[in-house]
C-alpha cells in the first residue's frame, strides 16, 4: 500500500470518527449535567436513573463500598433518600471539568465547587476534585463510579 493511500485512509477514518466522538462526548456532558441537576433538585427517581445497575459507591458513613447490584434497588434508593432527607441543598458547580470517551467508557474529571447545606444546621462550601466514570448503555450514559474529595491545601513540598 502506498504512503498516499495509507494517508488517505487515516484521514478518512479521522474525519469519519471525529463527528461520532464529538457526539458521544456531547452526550456524556449532557448525562453529567443531568446528574448534577437531579442532585440539585433532590429528585430521587431522576437521580437513581443516572446510576448504572452495576455501580459501586463509597459513602461518608460506610466503611465498605456499597454495590448496587448486590444491595438491590431498594437499599440503594434508601441510601440516597436518607441523604436527601438530611440536606436542604447540595450542588456541584463545575469550574474546570474535562470529558473523554474511550469506547463505551466515559470519563469526567476536574474541579468543582461543592456546596452542602444540612437540614439541622451547618454545611460546607469547598473546592473539590471530581472523577466520575460512566458506561454507555442502551439507555444512555450511566454512572459506574463517582468520587469527589476536597482539594488539598497547598503544601510546601516540591
Protein backbone atom coordinates (compact mmCIF):
# COMPACT_ATOMS: atom_id res chain seq x y z
CA UNK A 1 0.00 0.00 0.00
CA UNK A 2 1.41 3.37 -0.95
CA UNK A 3 2.02 6.18 1.52
CA UNK A 4 -0.61 8.31 -0.18
CA UNK A 5 -3.24 5.54 0.13
CA UNK A 6 -2.34 4.99 3.79
CA UNK A 7 -2.56 8.73 4.50
CA UNK A 8 -5.92 8.93 2.69
CA UNK A 9 -7.30 6.03 4.74
CA UNK A 10 -6.10 7.59 8.01
CA UNK A 11 -7.55 10.97 7.04
CA UNK A 12 -10.89 9.40 6.04
CA UNK A 13 -11.05 7.46 9.31
CA UNK A 14 -10.26 10.59 11.30
CA UNK A 15 -12.92 12.62 9.51
CA UNK A 16 -15.49 9.86 9.91
CA UNK A 17 -14.76 9.18 13.61
CA UNK A 18 -14.42 12.80 14.79
CA UNK A 19 -18.15 13.66 14.48
CA UNK A 20 -19.08 10.40 16.23
CA UNK A 21 -16.58 11.08 19.01
CA UNK A 22 -17.84 14.66 19.39
CA UNK A 23 -21.44 13.43 19.57
CA UNK A 24 -20.51 10.83 22.21
CA UNK A 25 -18.68 13.48 24.23
CA UNK A 26 -21.67 15.85 23.97
CA UNK A 27 -23.95 13.05 25.19
CA UNK A 28 -21.57 12.36 28.09
CA UNK A 29 -21.55 16.07 29.03
CA UNK A 30 -25.36 16.08 28.97
CA UNK A 31 -25.53 12.97 31.18
CA UNK A 32 -23.11 14.54 33.67
CA UNK A 33 -25.10 17.77 33.76
CA UNK A 34 -28.32 15.81 34.19
CA UNK A 35 -26.80 14.06 37.21
CA UNK A 36 -25.88 17.42 38.74
CA UNK A 37 -29.39 18.75 38.02
CA UNK A 38 -31.08 15.72 39.64
CA UNK A 39 -28.89 16.13 42.72
CA UNK A 40 -29.63 19.84 42.98
CA UNK A 41 -33.38 19.20 42.60
CA UNK A 42 -33.21 16.29 45.06
CA UNK A 43 -35.17 14.22 42.55
CA UNK A 44 -34.81 10.71 43.97
CA UNK A 45 -36.03 8.74 40.95
CA UNK A 46 -34.25 11.02 38.48
CA UNK A 47 -31.01 10.75 40.43
CA UNK A 48 -31.27 6.97 40.71
CA UNK A 49 -31.81 6.76 36.93
CA UNK A 50 -28.38 8.33 36.44
CA UNK A 51 -26.63 5.33 38.02
CA UNK A 52 -25.70 2.07 36.32
CA UNK A 53 -27.17 -1.09 37.84
CA UNK A 54 -23.59 -2.34 38.46
CA UNK A 55 -22.43 0.87 40.18
CA UNK A 56 -20.29 0.85 43.30
CA UNK A 57 -20.28 3.74 45.74
CA UNK A 58 -18.48 4.77 48.91
CA UNK A 59 -20.45 6.97 51.25
CA UNK A 60 -19.16 9.06 54.11
CA UNK A 61 -20.92 6.87 56.68
CA UNK A 62 -19.97 3.44 55.37
CA UNK A 63 -16.65 1.71 55.92
CA UNK A 64 -17.08 -0.52 52.86
CA UNK A 65 -18.34 0.22 49.39
CA UNK A 66 -21.99 -0.23 48.50
CA UNK A 67 -22.52 -2.42 45.46
CA UNK A 68 -25.81 -1.51 43.77
CA UNK A 69 -26.10 -4.92 42.14
CA UNK A 70 -25.58 -6.78 45.44
CA UNK A 71 -27.64 -4.44 47.63
CA UNK A 72 -30.53 -4.04 45.21
CA UNK A 73 -32.54 -1.03 44.05
CA UNK A 74 -34.46 -0.59 47.32
CA UNK A 75 -31.34 -0.39 49.51
CA UNK A 76 -29.66 1.94 47.04
CA UNK A 77 -32.77 4.14 46.96
CA UNK A 78 -32.90 4.16 50.76
CA UNK A 79 -29.31 5.41 50.97
CA UNK A 80 -29.98 8.25 48.51
CA UNK A 81 -33.33 9.06 50.13
CA UNK A 82 -31.64 9.26 53.56
CA UNK A 83 -29.02 11.62 52.14
CA UNK A 84 -31.70 13.83 50.56
CA UNK A 85 -33.60 13.89 53.88
CA UNK A 86 -30.52 15.19 55.75
CA UNK A 87 -29.85 18.08 53.39
CA UNK A 88 -31.53 21.32 52.42
CA UNK A 89 -29.42 21.63 49.29
CA UNK A 90 -26.44 20.04 47.58
CA UNK A 91 -24.78 21.33 44.46
CA UNK A 92 -21.66 20.64 42.43
CA UNK A 93 -20.71 23.64 40.27
CA UNK A 94 -18.12 22.62 37.67
CA UNK A 95 -15.24 25.08 37.38
CA UNK A 96 -12.73 23.13 35.27
CA UNK A 97 -14.14 19.81 34.11
CA UNK A 98 -12.91 17.66 31.23
CA UNK A 99 -14.51 14.78 29.35
CA UNK A 100 -13.11 11.80 27.50
CA UNK A 101 -14.84 8.93 25.72
CA UNK A 102 -12.96 5.65 25.29
CA UNK A 103 -15.23 3.17 23.54
CA UNK A 104 -18.21 2.69 25.85
CA UNK A 105 -16.49 4.26 28.86
CA UNK A 106 -16.86 7.96 29.63
CA UNK A 107 -14.54 9.80 31.99
CA UNK A 108 -15.37 13.10 33.66
CA UNK A 109 -12.76 14.73 35.86
CA UNK A 110 -11.74 18.09 37.14
CA UNK A 111 -12.52 20.74 39.70
CA UNK A 112 -15.88 21.76 41.09
CA UNK A 113 -17.23 23.88 43.88
CA UNK A 114 -19.35 21.79 46.22
CA UNK A 115 -21.98 23.41 48.40
CA UNK A 116 -23.89 21.43 51.01
CA UNK A 117 -26.49 22.80 53.42
CA UNK A 118 -27.63 20.40 56.13
CA UNK A 119 -31.19 20.31 57.40
CA UNK A 120 -30.22 20.69 61.07
CA UNK A 121 -27.71 23.46 60.50
CA UNK A 122 -24.20 23.51 59.25
CA UNK A 123 -22.90 22.51 55.90
CA UNK A 124 -19.89 23.23 53.82
CA UNK A 125 -18.75 25.00 50.72
CA UNK A 126 -15.40 23.97 49.29
CA UNK A 127 -13.44 23.31 46.13
CA UNK A 128 -13.42 19.64 45.24
CA UNK A 129 -11.76 17.27 42.84
CA UNK A 130 -14.11 15.02 40.95
CA UNK A 131 -13.74 11.83 38.98
CA UNK A 132 -16.80 10.12 37.51
CA UNK A 133 -16.80 7.00 35.36
CA UNK A 134 -19.77 6.40 33.07
CA UNK A 135 -20.71 3.40 30.93
CA UNK A 136 -22.62 3.80 27.68
CA UNK A 137 -25.78 1.67 27.77
CA UNK A 138 -28.82 1.33 25.55
CA UNK A 139 -30.42 3.91 27.90
CA UNK A 140 -27.55 6.40 27.54
CA UNK A 141 -24.60 7.15 29.82
CA UNK A 142 -24.89 5.78 33.38
CA UNK A 143 -22.57 6.38 36.33
CA UNK A 144 -20.47 3.38 37.34
CA UNK A 145 -18.33 5.17 39.92
CA UNK A 146 -18.15 8.68 41.36
CA UNK A 147 -15.51 10.12 43.66
CA UNK A 148 -15.11 13.63 44.94
CA UNK A 149 -12.90 15.00 47.66
CA UNK A 150 -11.78 18.35 48.95
CA UNK A 151 -8.85 19.91 47.12
CA UNK A 152 -5.89 19.60 49.50
CA UNK A 153 -4.29 22.72 50.89
CA UNK A 154 -1.08 23.83 49.18
CA UNK A 155 1.88 22.10 50.74
CA UNK A 156 5.45 23.26 51.00
CA UNK A 157 6.68 20.02 49.41
CA UNK A 158 8.29 20.32 45.97
